[in-house]
Amino acid sequence: MAEAQDALLDARWARLRQELFQNATTTLASVGGLLAITSGIAATLQPLFGGGW
């Protein structure tokens, strides 16, 4: 009985870790995308402000 509960806990723990990893990866990808967009906008606007930054 205890072995079955341990196996169930291990499976749940593995799934939770996988979901957390996927969420972290997705979040990092989103942040990377936002940074790319922001730097693209800054590069576009830079000449309009005299290119001093």
C-alpha atoms as a PDB file:
ATOM      1  CA  MET A   1       0.000   0.000   0.000  1.00  0.00           C
ATOM      2  CA  ALA A   2       2.745   2.443   0.921  1.00  0.00           C
ATOM      3  CA  GLU A   3       4.645   1.575  -2.260  1.00  0.00           C
ATOM      4  CA  ALA A   4       1.589   2.387  -4.385  1.00  0.00           C
ATOM      5  CA  GLN A   5       1.183   5.720  -2.599  1.00  0.00           C
ATOM      6  CA  ASP A   6       4.889   6.481  -3.097  1.00  0.00           C
ATOM      7  CA  ALA A   7       4.597   5.698  -6.801  1.00  0.00           C
ATOM      8  CA  LEU A   8       1.543   7.945  -7.086  1.00  0.00           C
ATOM      9  CA  LEU A   9       3.318  10.765  -5.268  1.00  0.00           C
ATOM     10  CA  ASP A  10       6.383  10.360  -7.475  1.00  0.00           C
ATOM     11  CA  ALA A  11       4.228  10.551 -10.605  1.00  0.00           C
ATOM     12  CA  ARG A  12       2.415  13.660  -9.367  1.00  0.00           C
ATOM     13  CA  TRP A  13       5.695  15.305  -8.376  1.00  0.00           C
ATOM     14  CA  ALA A  14       7.225  14.553 -11.772  1.00  0.00           C
ATOM     15  CA  ARG A  15       4.193  16.036 -13.536  1.00  0.00           C
ATOM     16  CA  LEU A  16       4.278  19.135 -11.329  1.00  0.00           C
ATOM     17  CA  ARG A  17       7.987  19.664 -12.029  1.00  0.00           C
ATOM     18  CA  GLN A  18       7.372  19.269 -15.755  1.00  0.00           C
ATOM     19  CA  GLU A  19       4.547  21.827 -15.675  1.00  0.00           C
ATOM     20  CA  LEU A  20       6.655  24.291 -13.690  1.00  0.00           C
ATOM     21  CA  PHE A  21       9.517  23.871 -16.155  1.00  0.00           C
ATOM     22  CA  GLN A  22       7.190  24.431 -19.112  1.00  0.00           C
ATOM     23  CA  ASN A  23       5.722  27.535 -17.458  1.00  0.00           C
ATOM     24  CA  ALA A  24       9.190  28.909 -16.746  1.00  0.00           C
ATOM     25  CA  THR A  25      10.271  28.241 -20.338  1.00  0.00           C
ATOM     26  CA  THR A  26       7.143  29.903 -21.729  1.00  0.00           C
ATOM     27  CA  THR A  27       7.620  32.907 -19.437  1.00  0.00           C
ATOM     28  CA  LEU A  28      11.251  33.294 -20.496  1.00  0.00           C
ATOM     29  CA  ALA A  29      10.267  33.072 -24.157  1.00  0.00           C
ATOM     30  CA  SER A  30       7.605  35.741 -23.613  1.00  0.00           C
ATOM     31  CA  VAL A  31      10.039  38.039 -21.824  1.00  0.00           C
ATOM     32  CA  GLY A  32      12.603  37.488 -24.588  1.00  0.00           C
ATOM     33  CA  GLY A  33       9.988  38.355 -27.188  1.00  0.00           C
ATOM     34  CA  LEU A  34       9.011  41.519 -25.338  1.00  0.00           C
ATOM     35  CA  LEU A  35      12.661  42.568 -25.051  1.00  0.00           C
ATOM     36  CA  ALA A  36      13.159  41.991 -28.770  1.00  0.00           C
ATOM     37  CA  ILE A  37      10.077  44.061 -29.595  1.00  0.00           C
ATOM     38  CA  THR A  38      11.146  46.827 -27.209  1.00  0.00           C
ATOM     39  CA  SER A  39      14.664  47.015 -28.615  1.00  0.00           C
ATOM     40  CA  GLY A  40      13.216  47.018 -32.133  1.00  0.00           C
ATOM     41  CA  ILE A  41      10.985  49.965 -31.260  1.00  0.00           C
ATOM     42  CA  ALA A  42      13.885  51.785 -29.598  1.00  0.00           C
ATOM     43  CA  ALA A  43      16.076  51.228 -32.662  1.00  0.00           C
ATOM     44  CA  THR A  44      13.287  52.572 -34.866  1.00  0.00           C
ATOM     45  CA  LEU A  45      12.711  55.664 -32.739  1.00  0.00           C
ATOM     46  CA  GLN A  46      16.381  56.439 -32.087  1.00  0.00           C
ATOM     47  CA  PRO A  47      16.971  58.460 -35.294  1.00  0.00           C
ATOM     48  CA  LEU A  48      13.919  60.607 -34.528  1.00  0.00           C
ATOM     49  CA  PHE A  49      15.471  61.744 -31.265  1.00  0.00           C
ATOM     50  CA  GLY A  50      18.888  62.561 -32.679  1.00  0.00           C
ATOM     51  CA  GLY A  51      20.385  59.127 -31.983  1.00  0.00           C
ATOM     52  CA  GLY A  52      21.783  60.249 -28.630  1.00  0.00           C
ATOM     53  CA  TRP A  53      20.999  56.988 -26.804  1.00  0.00           C
END
